[in-house]
C-alpha atoms as a PDB file:
ATOM      1  CA  MET A   1     213.616 180.977  53.944  1.00  0.00           C
ATOM      2  CA  ASP A   2     211.368 184.015  53.513  1.00  0.00           C
ATOM      3  CA  ASP A   3     209.777 183.802  50.025  1.00  0.00           C
ATOM      4  CA  SER A   4     210.152 187.575  49.525  1.00  0.00           C
ATOM      5  CA  LYS A   5     213.958 187.200  49.708  1.00  0.00           C
ATOM      6  CA  LYS A   6     214.203 184.041  47.625  1.00  0.00           C
ATOM      7  CA  ASN A   7     216.300 184.478  44.471  1.00  0.00           C
ATOM      8  CA  GLU A   8     214.092 183.434  41.575  1.00  0.00           C
ATOM      9  CA  GLY A   9     216.798 183.991  38.998  1.00  0.00           C
ATOM     10  CA  GLU A  10     216.188 185.821  35.748  1.00  0.00           C
ATOM     11  CA  GLY A  11     212.509 186.524  35.145  1.00  0.00           C
ATOM     12  CA  SER A  12     211.227 186.827  38.714  1.00  0.00           C
ATOM     13  CA  LYS A  13     207.699 185.434  38.905  1.00  0.00           C
ATOM     14  CA  MET A  14     206.949 187.432  42.038  1.00  0.00           C
ATOM     15  CA  ALA A  15     208.023 190.707  40.410  1.00  0.00           C
ATOM     16  CA  ASP A  16     205.987 189.852  37.303  1.00  0.00           C
ATOM     17  CA  LYS A  17     202.898 189.166  39.408  1.00  0.00           C
ATOM     18  CA  LYS A  18     203.276 192.440  41.349  1.00  0.00           C
ATOM     19  CA  TYR A  19     203.795 194.404  38.125  1.00  0.00           C
ATOM     20  CA  ARG A  20     200.723 192.883  36.459  1.00  0.00           C
ATOM     21  CA  GLN A  21     198.574 193.519  39.534  1.00  0.00           C
ATOM     22  CA  GLY A  22     199.730 197.127  39.718  1.00  0.00           C
ATOM     23  CA  ALA A  23     199.198 197.713  36.004  1.00  0.00           C
ATOM     24  CA  THR A  24     195.715 196.191  36.154  1.00  0.00           C
ATOM     25  CA  GLU A  25     194.742 198.298  39.171  1.00  0.00           C
ATOM     26  CA  PHE A  26     196.079 201.454  37.494  1.00  0.00           C
ATOM     27  CA  ALA A  27     194.102 200.721  34.317  1.00  0.00           C
ATOM     28  CA  LYS A  28     190.906 200.135  36.311  1.00  0.00           C
ATOM     29  CA  ARG A  29     191.098 203.415  38.254  1.00  0.00           C
ATOM     30  CA  THR A  30     192.585 205.667  35.563  1.00  0.00           C
ATOM     31  CA  ASP A  31     191.401 207.031  32.239  1.00  0.00           C
ATOM     32  CA  THR A  32     194.421 205.643  30.407  1.00  0.00           C
ATOM     33  CA  LEU A  33     193.465 207.310  27.122  1.00  0.00           C
ATOM     34  CA  GLN A  34     193.459 210.723  28.781  1.00  0.00           C
ATOM     35  CA  VAL A  35     196.758 210.050  30.571  1.00  0.00           C
ATOM     36  CA  GLY A  36     198.332 208.878  27.298  1.00  0.00           C
ATOM     37  CA  GLU A  37     197.172 211.980  25.450  1.00  0.00           C
ATOM     38  CA  GLN A  38     198.490 214.175  28.264  1.00  0.00           C
ATOM     39  CA  ALA A  39     201.873 212.416  28.075  1.00  0.00           C
ATOM     40  CA  GLU A  40     201.943 212.895  24.302  1.00  0.00           C
ATOM     41  CA  ARG A  41     201.303 216.637  24.700  1.00  0.00           C
ATOM     42  CA  GLU A  42     204.076 216.831  27.308  1.00  0.00           C
ATOM     43  CA  VAL A  43     206.557 215.125  24.988  1.00  0.00           C
ATOM     44  CA  GLU A  44     205.598 217.337  22.039  1.00  0.00           C
ATOM     45  CA  ALA A  45     205.890 220.488  24.173  1.00  0.00           C
ATOM     46  CA  ASN A  46     209.373 219.488  25.373  1.00  0.00           C
ATOM     47  CA  LYS A  47     210.569 217.542  22.342  1.00  0.00           C
ATOM     48  CA  ALA A  48     214.188 218.773  22.471  1.00  0.00           C
ATOM     49  CA  GLN A  49     214.501 217.812  26.137  1.00  0.00           C
ATOM     50  CA  TYR A  50     213.140 214.304  25.520  1.00  0.00           C
ATOM     51  CA  GLU A  51     215.370 213.816  22.474  1.00  0.00           C
ATOM     52  CA  GLN A  52     218.391 214.873  24.534  1.00  0.00           C
ATOM     53  CA  ALA A  53     217.443 212.401  27.274  1.00  0.00           C
ATOM     54  CA  GLU A  54     217.018 209.624  24.710  1.00  0.00           C
ATOM     55  CA  LYS A  55     220.407 210.434  23.166  1.00  0.00           C
ATOM     56  CA  LEU A  56     222.019 210.339  26.615  1.00  0.00           C
ATOM     57  CA  GLY A  57     220.389 206.986  27.352  1.00  0.00           C
ATOM     58  CA  ARG A  58     221.532 205.542  24.050  1.00  0.00           C
ATOM     59  CA  SER A  59     225.083 206.715  24.752  1.00  0.00           C
ATOM     60  CA  HIS A  60     225.155 204.261  27.672  1.00  0.00           C
ATOM     61  CA  SER A  61     223.998 201.370  25.504  1.00  0.00           C
ATOM     62  CA  ALA A  62     226.259 198.392  25.063  1.00  0.00           C
ATOM     63  CA  GLY A  63     225.218 198.512  21.417  1.00  0.00           C
ATOM     64  CA  ASP A  64     223.981 194.929  21.279  1.00  0.00           C
ATOM     65  CA  LEU A  65     222.402 195.538  17.889  1.00  0.00           C
ATOM     66  CA  LYS A  66     224.103 197.191  14.952  1.00  0.00           C
ATOM     67  CA  ASP A  67     221.955 200.354  15.039  1.00  0.00           C
ATOM     68  CA  ASP A  68     221.410 200.692  18.809  1.00  0.00           C
ATOM     69  CA  LEU A  69     223.729 203.644  19.297  1.00  0.00           C
ATOM     70  CA  SER A  70     222.737 205.560  16.172  1.00  0.00           C
ATOM     71  CA  GLY A  71     218.997 205.081  16.656  1.00  0.00           C
ATOM     72  CA  LYS A  72     218.629 204.220  12.959  1.00  0.00           C
ATOM     73  CA  GLY A  73     215.165 202.820  12.343  1.00  0.00           C
ATOM     74  CA  PHE A  74     213.925 203.908  15.773  1.00  0.00           C
ATOM     75  CA  ASP A  75     211.003 205.888  14.359  1.00  0.00           C
ATOM     76  CA  LYS A  76     209.616 202.965  12.328  1.00  0.00           C
ATOM     77  CA  LYS A  77     206.141 201.929  13.355  1.00  0.00           C
END
């Protein structure tokens, strides 16, 4: 059986390895601080649009946790 088509079940080790490799390569070739600051400016400039998208996403939630759908406590850091 071709290893790329093998079902690894939940928590695919192959997918995890590919993700980590990609993330590491991205971090090595990119000024991640600059990209993060640029993303923050984008969100702040279009705050209403991002909040609407978040609300839409939450509306599809199964509501596993008590406050999932309301977003209560979401802004806590």
